[in-house]
Amino acid sequence: MSLKFRGNYAKLQKYASLVDPDGQWRALQYGGKQYRTKYGAALNWWERSGKMLFQGKGPAGRKFEQSFKAVASAKGRLISENDEKRLNLSKQNTTLLTSFVDVLLENERLRKRQSRR
């Protein structure tokens, strides 16, 4: 499942240090950032897209990933690709519904005008 972090680099750094304060940051290609723990777990993040990728095997990698997800989710900064699609559909539905209501109201106004003539 693809994850996105909705926030800036400072927020990402804050959450990662809450989970593991001893890790190190480094720059990756294409605007990416990587946080590597001393136990071998890594968090890769690309600022432009917000996409995240966790790396690291064993219990340390899983523990870091789960802990980070818990912190970022609690702060409302983590979203899955499926959630993002649902949000976009919801916005589109709201726009369509608003347009539909506007058309219904305009039709009602026109009916009233015609009935007065």
N, C-alpha and C. Protein backbone atom coordinates (compact mmCIF):
# COMPACT_ATOMS: atom_id res chain seq x y z
N MET A 1 0.85 -1.17 0.00
CA MET A 1 0.00 0.00 0.00
C MET A 1 0.89 1.24 0.00
N SER A 2 0.62 2.15 -0.89
CA SER A 2 1.37 3.37 -1.01
C SER A 2 0.87 4.38 0.04
N LEU A 3 1.82 4.99 0.74
CA LEU A 3 1.47 5.98 1.74
C LEU A 3 2.00 7.34 1.35
N LYS A 4 1.29 8.38 1.79
CA LYS A 4 1.75 9.74 1.58
C LYS A 4 1.75 10.48 2.92
N PHE A 5 2.76 11.30 3.09
CA PHE A 5 2.86 12.14 4.27
C PHE A 5 2.42 13.53 3.88
N ARG A 6 1.35 14.00 4.50
CA ARG A 6 0.85 15.35 4.21
C ARG A 6 1.43 16.30 5.25
N GLY A 7 2.51 16.87 4.92
CA GLY A 7 3.19 17.78 5.82
C GLY A 7 4.52 18.18 5.22
N ASN A 8 5.25 19.01 5.93
CA ASN A 8 6.53 19.46 5.41
C ASN A 8 7.67 18.66 6.04
N TYR A 9 8.87 18.97 5.62
CA TYR A 9 10.05 18.23 6.07
C TYR A 9 10.26 18.39 7.58
N ALA A 10 9.99 19.57 8.10
CA ALA A 10 10.16 19.80 9.54
C ALA A 10 9.23 18.88 10.36
N LYS A 11 8.00 18.74 9.91
CA LYS A 11 7.05 17.85 10.61
C LYS A 11 7.51 16.40 10.52
N LEU A 12 7.98 16.01 9.35
CA LEU A 12 8.46 14.65 9.16
C LEU A 12 9.63 14.37 10.11
N GLN A 13 10.56 15.32 10.19
CA GLN A 13 11.70 15.17 11.09
C GLN A 13 11.25 15.04 12.54
N LYS A 14 10.27 15.83 12.91
CA LYS A 14 9.77 15.81 14.29
C LYS A 14 9.18 14.43 14.63
N TYR A 15 8.35 13.91 13.75
CA TYR A 15 7.70 12.62 14.02
C TYR A 15 8.71 11.48 14.04
N ALA A 16 9.68 11.52 13.12
CA ALA A 16 10.69 10.47 13.09
C ALA A 16 11.53 10.50 14.37
N SER A 17 11.85 11.70 14.85
CA SER A 17 12.66 11.79 16.07
C SER A 17 11.87 11.40 17.31
N LEU A 18 10.55 11.53 17.26
CA LEU A 18 9.73 11.06 18.37
C LEU A 18 9.79 9.53 18.48
N VAL A 19 9.85 8.88 17.33
CA VAL A 19 9.89 7.42 17.29
C VAL A 19 11.28 6.90 17.61
N ASP A 20 12.31 7.51 17.00
CA ASP A 20 13.69 7.09 17.22
C ASP A 20 14.59 8.31 17.16
N PRO A 21 14.93 8.90 18.29
CA PRO A 21 15.71 10.14 18.30
C PRO A 21 17.17 9.99 17.87
N ASP A 22 17.66 8.78 17.72
CA ASP A 22 19.08 8.57 17.40
C ASP A 22 19.36 8.37 15.92
N GLY A 23 18.37 8.51 15.07
CA GLY A 23 18.56 8.29 13.63
C GLY A 23 19.25 9.47 12.96
N GLN A 24 19.61 9.26 11.70
CA GLN A 24 20.29 10.28 10.91
C GLN A 24 19.54 10.54 9.60
N TRP A 25 19.49 11.80 9.20
CA TRP A 25 18.87 12.19 7.93
C TRP A 25 19.94 12.35 6.86
N ARG A 26 19.55 12.06 5.63
CA ARG A 26 20.41 12.34 4.49
C ARG A 26 19.53 12.62 3.28
N ALA A 27 20.10 13.33 2.31
CA ALA A 27 19.37 13.67 1.09
C ALA A 27 19.48 12.51 0.10
N LEU A 28 18.40 12.29 -0.64
CA LEU A 28 18.37 11.30 -1.72
C LEU A 28 18.20 12.03 -3.05
N GLN A 29 18.30 11.29 -4.14
CA GLN A 29 18.07 11.88 -5.45
C GLN A 29 16.61 12.32 -5.59
N TYR A 30 16.41 13.25 -6.50
CA TYR A 30 15.06 13.69 -6.88
C TYR A 30 14.27 14.27 -5.71
N GLY A 31 14.95 14.97 -4.82
CA GLY A 31 14.27 15.65 -3.72
C GLY A 31 13.86 14.74 -2.58
N GLY A 32 14.41 13.56 -2.53
CA GLY A 32 14.06 12.62 -1.47
C GLY A 32 14.88 12.85 -0.21
N LYS A 33 14.33 12.40 0.90
CA LYS A 33 15.00 12.45 2.20
C LYS A 33 14.93 11.04 2.79
N GLN A 34 15.97 10.69 3.53
CA GLN A 34 15.98 9.37 4.16
C GLN A 34 16.36 9.52 5.63
N TYR A 35 15.60 8.84 6.47
CA TYR A 35 15.91 8.77 7.90
C TYR A 35 16.29 7.33 8.20
N ARG A 36 17.51 7.13 8.65
CA ARG A 36 18.00 5.77 8.93
C ARG A 36 18.27 5.65 10.42
N THR A 37 17.69 4.61 11.02
CA THR A 37 17.90 4.36 12.45
C THR A 37 19.20 3.58 12.64
N LYS A 38 19.69 3.57 13.86
CA LYS A 38 20.92 2.83 14.12
C LYS A 38 20.70 1.31 14.07
N TYR A 39 19.43 0.89 14.02
CA TYR A 39 19.10 -0.53 13.94
C TYR A 39 18.84 -1.00 12.52
N GLY A 40 19.01 -0.09 11.54
CA GLY A 40 18.90 -0.49 10.15
C GLY A 40 17.57 -0.19 9.48
N ALA A 41 16.61 0.32 10.19
CA ALA A 41 15.34 0.69 9.56
C ALA A 41 15.52 2.02 8.84
N ALA A 42 14.76 2.22 7.78
CA ALA A 42 14.87 3.47 7.02
C ALA A 42 13.49 3.93 6.57
N LEU A 43 13.34 5.24 6.55
CA LEU A 43 12.15 5.89 6.04
C LEU A 43 12.59 6.77 4.89
N ASN A 44 12.06 6.53 3.71
CA ASN A 44 12.35 7.35 2.54
C ASN A 44 11.11 8.18 2.24
N TRP A 45 11.33 9.47 1.92
CA TRP A 45 10.21 10.38 1.66
C TRP A 45 10.59 11.33 0.55
N TRP A 46 9.66 11.55 -0.38
CA TRP A 46 9.87 12.48 -1.47
C TRP A 46 8.94 13.66 -1.28
N GLU A 47 9.55 14.82 -1.11
CA GLU A 47 8.81 16.03 -0.76
C GLU A 47 7.76 16.41 -1.80
N ARG A 48 8.11 16.32 -3.05
CA ARG A 48 7.20 16.76 -4.10
C ARG A 48 5.89 15.96 -4.13
N SER A 49 6.01 14.65 -4.04
CA SER A 49 4.82 13.79 -4.12
C SER A 49 4.26 13.43 -2.75
N GLY A 50 5.09 13.51 -1.72
CA GLY A 50 4.67 13.11 -0.38
C GLY A 50 4.75 11.61 -0.14
N LYS A 51 5.17 10.86 -1.15
CA LYS A 51 5.21 9.40 -1.02
C LYS A 51 6.28 8.96 -0.02
N MET A 52 5.94 7.89 0.70
CA MET A 52 6.83 7.34 1.71
C MET A 52 7.10 5.87 1.40
N LEU A 53 8.29 5.43 1.79
CA LEU A 53 8.66 4.04 1.66
C LEU A 53 9.48 3.66 2.88
N PHE A 54 9.08 2.58 3.53
CA PHE A 54 9.81 2.09 4.69
C PHE A 54 10.67 0.92 4.25
N GLN A 55 11.88 0.85 4.81
CA GLN A 55 12.79 -0.25 4.53
C GLN A 55 13.35 -0.77 5.84
N GLY A 56 13.77 -2.00 5.82
CA GLY A 56 14.37 -2.59 7.01
C GLY A 56 13.68 -3.88 7.35
N LYS A 57 14.48 -4.88 7.58
CA LYS A 57 13.92 -6.20 7.89
C LYS A 57 14.00 -6.44 9.39
N GLY A 58 13.26 -7.42 9.78
CA GLY A 58 13.31 -7.82 11.18
C GLY A 58 12.42 -6.98 12.06
N PRO A 59 12.45 -7.27 13.34
CA PRO A 59 11.57 -6.59 14.28
C PRO A 59 11.84 -5.09 14.39
N ALA A 60 13.10 -4.68 14.26
CA ALA A 60 13.42 -3.25 14.39
C ALA A 60 12.78 -2.44 13.27
N GLY A 61 12.84 -2.98 12.05
CA GLY A 61 12.23 -2.29 10.91
C GLY A 61 10.73 -2.19 11.03
N ARG A 62 10.11 -3.29 11.43
CA ARG A 62 8.64 -3.31 11.59
C ARG A 62 8.21 -2.39 12.73
N LYS A 63 8.96 -2.41 13.82
CA LYS A 63 8.62 -1.58 14.98
C LYS A 63 8.71 -0.10 14.63
N PHE A 64 9.77 0.29 13.92
CA PHE A 64 9.92 1.69 13.51
C PHE A 64 8.77 2.10 12.60
N GLU A 65 8.46 1.27 11.60
CA GLU A 65 7.39 1.58 10.66
C GLU A 65 6.05 1.72 11.38
N GLN A 66 5.71 0.77 12.22
CA GLN A 66 4.43 0.80 12.94
C GLN A 66 4.34 2.01 13.86
N SER A 67 5.42 2.30 14.55
CA SER A 67 5.43 3.43 15.48
C SER A 67 5.29 4.75 14.74
N PHE A 68 6.02 4.89 13.63
CA PHE A 68 5.92 6.12 12.85
C PHE A 68 4.50 6.30 12.30
N LYS A 69 3.95 5.22 11.76
CA LYS A 69 2.58 5.29 11.23
C LYS A 69 1.59 5.70 12.31
N ALA A 70 1.76 5.18 13.51
CA ALA A 70 0.85 5.50 14.61
C ALA A 70 0.95 6.99 14.96
N VAL A 71 2.16 7.50 15.06
CA VAL A 71 2.35 8.92 15.41
C VAL A 71 1.80 9.82 14.31
N ALA A 72 2.18 9.56 13.06
CA ALA A 72 1.75 10.41 11.94
C ALA A 72 0.24 10.32 11.72
N SER A 73 -0.34 9.14 11.89
CA SER A 73 -1.79 8.99 11.73
C SER A 73 -2.54 9.74 12.82
N ALA A 74 -2.04 9.67 14.04
CA ALA A 74 -2.68 10.37 15.15
C ALA A 74 -2.68 11.87 14.92
N LYS A 75 -1.67 12.37 14.24
CA LYS A 75 -1.58 13.81 13.95
C LYS A 75 -2.27 14.19 12.65
N GLY A 76 -2.86 13.21 11.97
CA GLY A 76 -3.59 13.48 10.73
C GLY A 76 -2.70 13.78 9.54
N ARG A 77 -1.47 13.30 9.55
CA ARG A 77 -0.52 13.61 8.49
C ARG A 77 -0.27 12.46 7.52
N LEU A 78 -0.83 11.29 7.79
CA LEU A 78 -0.55 10.12 6.97
C LEU A 78 -1.82 9.72 6.24
N ILE A 79 -1.68 9.47 4.96
CA ILE A 79 -2.84 9.09 4.17
C ILE A 79 -2.42 8.00 3.18
N SER A 80 -3.28 7.01 3.02
CA SER A 80 -2.99 5.97 2.04
C SER A 80 -3.47 6.42 0.67
N GLU A 81 -2.98 5.77 -0.36
CA GLU A 81 -3.38 6.12 -1.71
C GLU A 81 -4.89 5.92 -1.90
N ASN A 82 -5.45 4.87 -1.30
CA ASN A 82 -6.89 4.61 -1.40
C ASN A 82 -7.69 5.71 -0.70
N ASP A 83 -7.21 6.16 0.47
CA ASP A 83 -7.89 7.24 1.17
C ASP A 83 -7.88 8.52 0.34
N GLU A 84 -6.75 8.78 -0.31
CA GLU A 84 -6.63 9.97 -1.14
C GLU A 84 -7.62 9.92 -2.30
N LYS A 85 -7.78 8.76 -2.91
CA LYS A 85 -8.75 8.61 -4.01
C LYS A 85 -10.16 8.85 -3.50
N ARG A 86 -10.47 8.31 -2.31
CA ARG A 86 -11.80 8.53 -1.73
C ARG A 86 -12.05 9.99 -1.45
N LEU A 87 -11.05 10.71 -0.93
CA LEU A 87 -11.21 12.14 -0.67
C LEU A 87 -11.46 12.92 -1.95
N ASN A 88 -10.73 12.57 -3.00
CA ASN A 88 -10.94 13.24 -4.28
C ASN A 88 -12.34 12.98 -4.83
N LEU A 89 -12.81 11.73 -4.70
CA LEU A 89 -14.17 11.42 -5.15
C LEU A 89 -15.21 12.16 -4.32
N SER A 90 -14.97 12.26 -3.04
CA SER A 90 -15.88 12.97 -2.17
C SER A 90 -15.98 14.45 -2.56
N LYS A 91 -14.84 15.06 -2.88
CA LYS A 91 -14.84 16.46 -3.32
C LYS A 91 -15.60 16.61 -4.64
N GLN A 92 -15.38 15.66 -5.55
CA GLN A 92 -16.08 15.70 -6.83
C GLN A 92 -17.58 15.54 -6.63
N ASN A 93 -17.98 14.63 -5.75
CA ASN A 93 -19.40 14.43 -5.47
C ASN A 93 -20.03 15.69 -4.88
N THR A 94 -19.31 16.35 -3.99
CA THR A 94 -19.82 17.58 -3.38
C THR A 94 -20.01 18.65 -4.45
N THR A 95 -19.05 18.77 -5.35
CA THR A 95 -19.16 19.75 -6.43
C THR A 95 -20.34 19.44 -7.34
N LEU A 96 -20.51 18.17 -7.69
CA LEU A 96 -21.63 17.78 -8.54
C LEU A 96 -22.97 18.02 -7.84
N LEU A 97 -23.03 17.69 -6.57
CA LEU A 97 -24.26 17.90 -5.81
C LEU A 97 -24.61 19.39 -5.74
N THR A 98 -23.61 20.22 -5.50
CA THR A 98 -23.84 21.67 -5.45
C THR A 98 -24.36 22.17 -6.80
N SER A 99 -23.76 21.70 -7.88
CA SER A 99 -24.20 22.10 -9.22
C SER A 99 -25.63 21.64 -9.48
N PHE A 100 -25.95 20.43 -9.07
CA PHE A 100 -27.29 19.89 -9.25
C PHE A 100 -28.33 20.71 -8.48
N VAL A 101 -28.02 21.07 -7.26
CA VAL A 101 -28.94 21.89 -6.45
C VAL A 101 -29.13 23.26 -7.10
N ASP A 102 -28.04 23.83 -7.61
CA ASP A 102 -28.15 25.12 -8.30
C ASP A 102 -29.08 25.04 -9.50
N VAL A 103 -28.98 23.96 -10.26
CA VAL A 103 -29.84 23.78 -11.44
C VAL A 103 -31.30 23.63 -10.99
N LEU A 104 -31.53 22.84 -9.94
CA LEU A 104 -32.90 22.68 -9.44
C LEU A 104 -33.49 24.01 -8.98
N LEU A 105 -32.71 24.80 -8.27
CA LEU A 105 -33.18 26.11 -7.80
C LEU A 105 -33.48 27.04 -8.98
N GLU A 106 -32.62 27.05 -9.96
CA GLU A 106 -32.84 27.89 -11.13
C GLU A 106 -34.09 27.44 -11.89
N ASN A 107 -34.32 26.15 -12.02
CA ASN A 107 -35.53 25.64 -12.67
C ASN A 107 -36.77 26.08 -11.91
N GLU A 108 -36.71 26.03 -10.60
CA GLU A 108 -37.85 26.46 -9.79
C GLU A 108 -38.13 27.95 -9.99
N ARG A 109 -37.08 28.76 -10.04
CA ARG A 109 -37.26 30.21 -10.29
C ARG A 109 -37.91 30.45 -11.66
N LEU A 110 -37.45 29.70 -12.66
CA LEU A 110 -38.03 29.86 -14.00
C LEU A 110 -39.50 29.45 -14.03
N ARG A 111 -39.86 28.38 -13.33
CA ARG A 111 -41.26 27.94 -13.26
C ARG A 111 -42.14 29.02 -12.62
N LYS A 112 -41.62 29.63 -11.56
CA LYS A 112 -42.38 30.68 -10.89
C LYS A 112 -42.59 31.88 -11.81
N ARG A 113 -41.56 32.25 -12.56
CA ARG A 113 -41.68 33.37 -13.48
C ARG A 113 -42.73 33.07 -14.56
N GLN A 114 -42.68 31.86 -15.09
CA GLN A 114 -43.63 31.49 -16.13
C GLN A 114 -45.05 31.42 -15.61
N SER A 115 -45.23 31.02 -14.37
CA SER A 115 -46.57 30.91 -13.81
C SER A 115 -47.18 32.30 -13.54
N ARG A 116 -46.35 33.31 -13.36
CA ARG A 116 -46.82 34.68 -13.13
C ARG A 116 -47.32 35.33 -14.42
N ARG A 117 -46.90 34.85 -15.55
CA ARG A 117 -47.27 35.48 -16.84
C ARG A 117 -48.62 35.08 -17.26
